[in-house]
Amino acid sequence: QVQVMESGGGLVQEGGSLRLNCIVSGLIFDDYAMAWFRQAPGKEREGVSCISWNGGNTYHTDSVKGRFTVSRDNVKNTLYLQMASLQPKDTAMYYCAVDLRATCGEYYSGEDYFSTFFTRYLEHWGQGTLVTVSS
């Protein structure tokens, strides 16, 4: 049984930092790309960051580029999201997810990566961890 467990969320002031963690069990972690997505109240899910199976490729959506960094430790079966310069617009539930593909980037086979992620390749995600950024 695959289990995905996020942690590290909390309340932080604007400009602050947080590191999210995600531990995955029940599958061969380094067979898969991994992703973070978020959902704010009343809004649709938004892809945030992804990382390829070996950490060689990463991608961050424009709204977090330069502020967020995704990484993984395949020995510990753990995914990370280091978030800096947090803004109130970053307030959301953050989810860690297994992507059935092995690689990631802005595009996949000519299509927007995160569009295909939500429609075809999202597999196994956790309960989420809440990030609240106060102004």
C-alpha atoms as a PDB file:
ATOM      1  CA  GLN A   1       0.000   0.000   0.000  1.00  0.00           C
ATOM      2  CA  VAL A   2       1.425   3.330  -1.061  1.00  0.00           C
ATOM      3  CA  GLN A   3       1.550   5.994   1.598  1.00  0.00           C
ATOM      4  CA  VAL A   4       2.408   9.641   1.088  1.00  0.00           C
ATOM      5  CA  MET A   5       2.800  11.870   4.120  1.00  0.00           C
ATOM      6  CA  GLU A   6       3.495  15.588   4.014  1.00  0.00           C
ATOM      7  CA  SER A   7       4.692  17.709   6.909  1.00  0.00           C
ATOM      8  CA  GLY A   8       6.300  21.050   7.628  1.00  0.00           C
ATOM      9  CA  GLY A   9       3.478  23.468   6.968  1.00  0.00           C
ATOM     10  CA  GLY A  10       2.514  26.220   9.351  1.00  0.00           C
ATOM     11  CA  LEU A  11       1.871  29.903   9.868  1.00  0.00           C
ATOM     12  CA  VAL A  12       4.621  32.246   8.729  1.00  0.00           C
ATOM     13  CA  GLN A  13       4.906  35.985   8.189  1.00  0.00           C
ATOM     14  CA  GLU A  14       5.315  37.463   4.755  1.00  0.00           C
ATOM     15  CA  GLY A  15       8.930  37.169   3.671  1.00  0.00           C
ATOM     16  CA  GLY A  16       9.525  34.115   5.824  1.00  0.00           C
ATOM     17  CA  SER A  17      10.608  30.599   4.935  1.00  0.00           C
ATOM     18  CA  LEU A  18       9.366  27.054   5.408  1.00  0.00           C
ATOM     19  CA  ARG A  19      10.534  23.622   4.338  1.00  0.00           C
ATOM     20  CA  LEU A  20       7.960  21.023   3.446  1.00  0.00           C
ATOM     21  CA  ASN A  21       8.791  17.347   3.697  1.00  0.00           C
ATOM     22  CA  CYS A  22       7.143  14.312   2.157  1.00  0.00           C
ATOM     23  CA  ILE A  23       7.891  10.694   2.975  1.00  0.00           C
ATOM     24  CA  VAL A  24       6.720   8.031   0.542  1.00  0.00           C
ATOM     25  CA  SER A  25       6.475   4.307   1.194  1.00  0.00           C
ATOM     26  CA  GLY A  26       5.082   1.289  -0.583  1.00  0.00           C
ATOM     27  CA  LEU A  27       6.675   1.854  -3.974  1.00  0.00           C
ATOM     28  CA  ILE A  28      10.099   2.136  -5.586  1.00  0.00           C
ATOM     29  CA  PHE A  29      10.598   5.844  -4.937  1.00  0.00           C
ATOM     30  CA  ASP A  30      13.311   6.440  -7.502  1.00  0.00           C
ATOM     31  CA  ASP A  31      11.243   4.961 -10.324  1.00  0.00           C
ATOM     32  CA  TYR A  32       9.097   8.081 -10.394  1.00  0.00           C
ATOM     33  CA  ALA A  33       9.169  11.805 -10.792  1.00  0.00           C
ATOM     34  CA  MET A  34       7.613  13.640  -7.878  1.00  0.00           C
ATOM     35  CA  ALA A  35       5.656  16.852  -7.691  1.00  0.00           C
ATOM     36  CA  TRP A  36       4.212  19.409  -5.324  1.00  0.00           C
ATOM     37  CA  PHE A  37       0.873  20.978  -6.054  1.00  0.00           C
ATOM     38  CA  ARG A  38      -1.287  23.324  -4.001  1.00  0.00           C
ATOM     39  CA  GLN A  39      -4.871  24.336  -3.641  1.00  0.00           C
ATOM     40  CA  ALA A  40      -6.093  27.541  -2.086  1.00  0.00           C
ATOM     41  CA  PRO A  41      -9.667  27.860  -0.802  1.00  0.00           C
ATOM     42  CA  GLY A  42     -12.062  28.330  -3.679  1.00  0.00           C
ATOM     43  CA  LYS A  43      -9.380  27.887  -6.310  1.00  0.00           C
ATOM     44  CA  GLU A  44      -8.302  25.109  -8.618  1.00  0.00           C
ATOM     45  CA  ARG A  45      -5.285  22.933  -7.999  1.00  0.00           C
ATOM     46  CA  GLU A  46      -2.029  24.466  -9.181  1.00  0.00           C
ATOM     47  CA  GLY A  47       1.169  22.623  -9.998  1.00  0.00           C
ATOM     48  CA  VAL A  48       4.068  24.145  -8.094  1.00  0.00           C
ATOM     49  CA  SER A  49       7.246  22.138  -8.632  1.00  0.00           C
ATOM     50  CA  CYS A  50       8.408  18.812  -9.982  1.00  0.00           C
ATOM     51  CA  ILE A  51      11.591  16.792  -9.933  1.00  0.00           C
ATOM     52  CA  SER A  52      12.740  13.878 -12.052  1.00  0.00           C
ATOM     53  CA  TRP A  53      13.454  10.422 -10.678  1.00  0.00           C
ATOM     54  CA  ASN A  54      17.122  11.127  -9.976  1.00  0.00           C
ATOM     55  CA  GLY A  55      16.836  14.814  -9.165  1.00  0.00           C
ATOM     56  CA  GLY A  56      18.554  15.764 -12.404  1.00  0.00           C
ATOM     57  CA  ASN A  57      15.689  17.850 -13.733  1.00  0.00           C
ATOM     58  CA  THR A  58      13.455  20.225 -11.846  1.00  0.00           C
ATOM     59  CA  TYR A  59      10.746  22.656 -12.832  1.00  0.00           C
ATOM     60  CA  HIS A  60       8.977  25.398 -10.899  1.00  0.00           C
ATOM     61  CA  THR A  61       5.927  27.263 -12.031  1.00  0.00           C
ATOM     62  CA  ASP A  62       6.521  30.943 -12.795  1.00  0.00           C
ATOM     63  CA  SER A  63       4.824  32.227  -9.647  1.00  0.00           C
ATOM     64  CA  VAL A  64       7.355  30.490  -7.383  1.00  0.00           C
ATOM     65  CA  LYS A  65      10.442  30.484  -9.578  1.00  0.00           C
ATOM     66  CA  GLY A  66      13.434  31.857  -7.727  1.00  0.00           C
ATOM     67  CA  ARG A  67      11.706  31.456  -4.354  1.00  0.00           C
ATOM     68  CA  PHE A  68      10.977  27.717  -4.084  1.00  0.00           C
ATOM     69  CA  THR A  69      13.416  24.833  -4.528  1.00  0.00           C
ATOM     70  CA  VAL A  70      12.397  21.202  -4.885  1.00  0.00           C
ATOM     71  CA  SER A  71      14.770  18.379  -4.000  1.00  0.00           C
ATOM     72  CA  ARG A  72      14.681  14.702  -3.138  1.00  0.00           C
ATOM     73  CA  ASP A  73      16.642  12.102  -1.203  1.00  0.00           C
ATOM     74  CA  ASN A  74      16.158   8.717  -2.812  1.00  0.00           C
ATOM     75  CA  VAL A  75      17.863   6.937   0.084  1.00  0.00           C
ATOM     76  CA  LYS A  76      15.344   8.337   2.543  1.00  0.00           C
ATOM     77  CA  ASN A  77      12.379   8.177   0.102  1.00  0.00           C
ATOM     78  CA  THR A  78      11.772  11.819   0.871  1.00  0.00           C
ATOM     79  CA  LEU A  79      10.772  14.838  -1.183  1.00  0.00           C
ATOM     80  CA  TYR A  80      11.390  18.406  -0.046  1.00  0.00           C
ATOM     81  CA  LEU A  81      10.157  21.858  -0.934  1.00  0.00           C
ATOM     82  CA  GLN A  82      12.220  24.742   0.406  1.00  0.00           C
ATOM     83  CA  MET A  83      10.108  27.880   0.284  1.00  0.00           C
ATOM     84  CA  ALA A  84      11.539  31.355   0.780  1.00  0.00           C
ATOM     85  CA  SER A  85      10.244  34.922   0.462  1.00  0.00           C
ATOM     86  CA  LEU A  86       6.760  33.630   1.131  1.00  0.00           C
ATOM     87  CA  GLN A  87       3.842  35.826   0.171  1.00  0.00           C
ATOM     88  CA  PRO A  88       0.185  35.783   1.202  1.00  0.00           C
ATOM     89  CA  LYS A  89      -0.693  34.469  -2.269  1.00  0.00           C
ATOM     90  CA  ASP A  90       1.259  31.305  -1.380  1.00  0.00           C
ATOM     91  CA  THR A  91      -1.319  30.435   1.281  1.00  0.00           C
ATOM     92  CA  ALA A  92      -2.752  27.032   0.377  1.00  0.00           C
ATOM     93  CA  MET A  93      -2.845  23.351   1.204  1.00  0.00           C
ATOM     94  CA  TYR A  94       0.287  21.815  -0.269  1.00  0.00           C
ATOM     95  CA  TYR A  95       0.280  18.253  -1.544  1.00  0.00           C
ATOM     96  CA  CYS A  96       3.092  15.894  -2.452  1.00  0.00           C
ATOM     97  CA  ALA A  97       2.345  13.498  -5.293  1.00  0.00           C
ATOM     98  CA  VAL A  98       3.804  10.625  -7.235  1.00  0.00           C
ATOM     99  CA  ASP A  99       3.985  11.209 -10.981  1.00  0.00           C
ATOM    100  CA  LEU A 100       3.817   8.088 -13.109  1.00  0.00           C
ATOM    101  CA  ARG A 101       6.478   9.528 -15.392  1.00  0.00           C
ATOM    102  CA  ALA A 102      10.183   9.416 -14.587  1.00  0.00           C
ATOM    103  CA  THR A 103      11.092  12.882 -15.772  1.00  0.00           C
ATOM    104  CA  CYS A 104       9.667  16.375 -15.555  1.00  0.00           C
ATOM    105  CA  GLY A 105      10.023  19.795 -17.078  1.00  0.00           C
ATOM    106  CA  GLU A 106       7.970  22.707 -18.371  1.00  0.00           C
ATOM    107  CA  TYR A 107       6.662  20.562 -21.221  1.00  0.00           C
ATOM    108  CA  TYR A 108       6.056  16.861 -21.707  1.00  0.00           C
ATOM    109  CA  SER A 109       5.685  15.579 -25.266  1.00  0.00           C
ATOM    110  CA  GLY A 110       4.856  19.089 -26.389  1.00  0.00           C
ATOM    111  CA  GLU A 111       2.146  19.660 -23.804  1.00  0.00           C
ATOM    112  CA  ASP A 112       2.200  21.719 -20.636  1.00  0.00           C
ATOM    113  CA  TYR A 113       3.667  19.460 -17.984  1.00  0.00           C
ATOM    114  CA  PHE A 114       1.253  20.192 -15.170  1.00  0.00           C
ATOM    115  CA  SER A 115      -1.815  20.012 -17.388  1.00  0.00           C
ATOM    116  CA  THR A 116      -0.912  16.454 -18.299  1.00  0.00           C
ATOM    117  CA  PHE A 117       0.063  15.744 -14.698  1.00  0.00           C
ATOM    118  CA  PHE A 118      -3.428  16.417 -13.362  1.00  0.00           C
ATOM    119  CA  THR A 119      -5.263  14.693 -16.181  1.00  0.00           C
ATOM    120  CA  ARG A 120      -3.150  11.610 -16.769  1.00  0.00           C
ATOM    121  CA  TYR A 121      -0.129  11.100 -14.541  1.00  0.00           C
ATOM    122  CA  LEU A 122      -1.054  12.126 -11.000  1.00  0.00           C
ATOM    123  CA  GLU A 123      -0.890   9.047  -8.829  1.00  0.00           C
ATOM    124  CA  HIS A 124      -0.874   8.815  -5.057  1.00  0.00           C
ATOM    125  CA  TRP A 125      -0.936  11.963  -2.993  1.00  0.00           C
ATOM    126  CA  GLY A 126      -1.120  12.694   0.682  1.00  0.00           C
ATOM    127  CA  GLN A 127      -3.483  14.551   2.972  1.00  0.00           C
ATOM    128  CA  GLY A 128      -1.607  17.780   2.470  1.00  0.00           C
ATOM    129  CA  THR A 129       0.059  20.271   4.778  1.00  0.00           C
ATOM    130  CA  LEU A 130      -1.334  23.760   5.278  1.00  0.00           C
ATOM    131  CA  VAL A 131       0.809  26.805   4.633  1.00  0.00           C
ATOM    132  CA  THR A 132      -0.550  30.136   5.800  1.00  0.00           C
ATOM    133  CA  VAL A 133       1.339  33.345   5.082  1.00  0.00           C
ATOM    134  CA  SER A 134       0.253  36.431   6.986  1.00  0.00           C
ATOM    135  CA  SER A 135       0.832  39.986   5.769  1.00  0.00           C
END
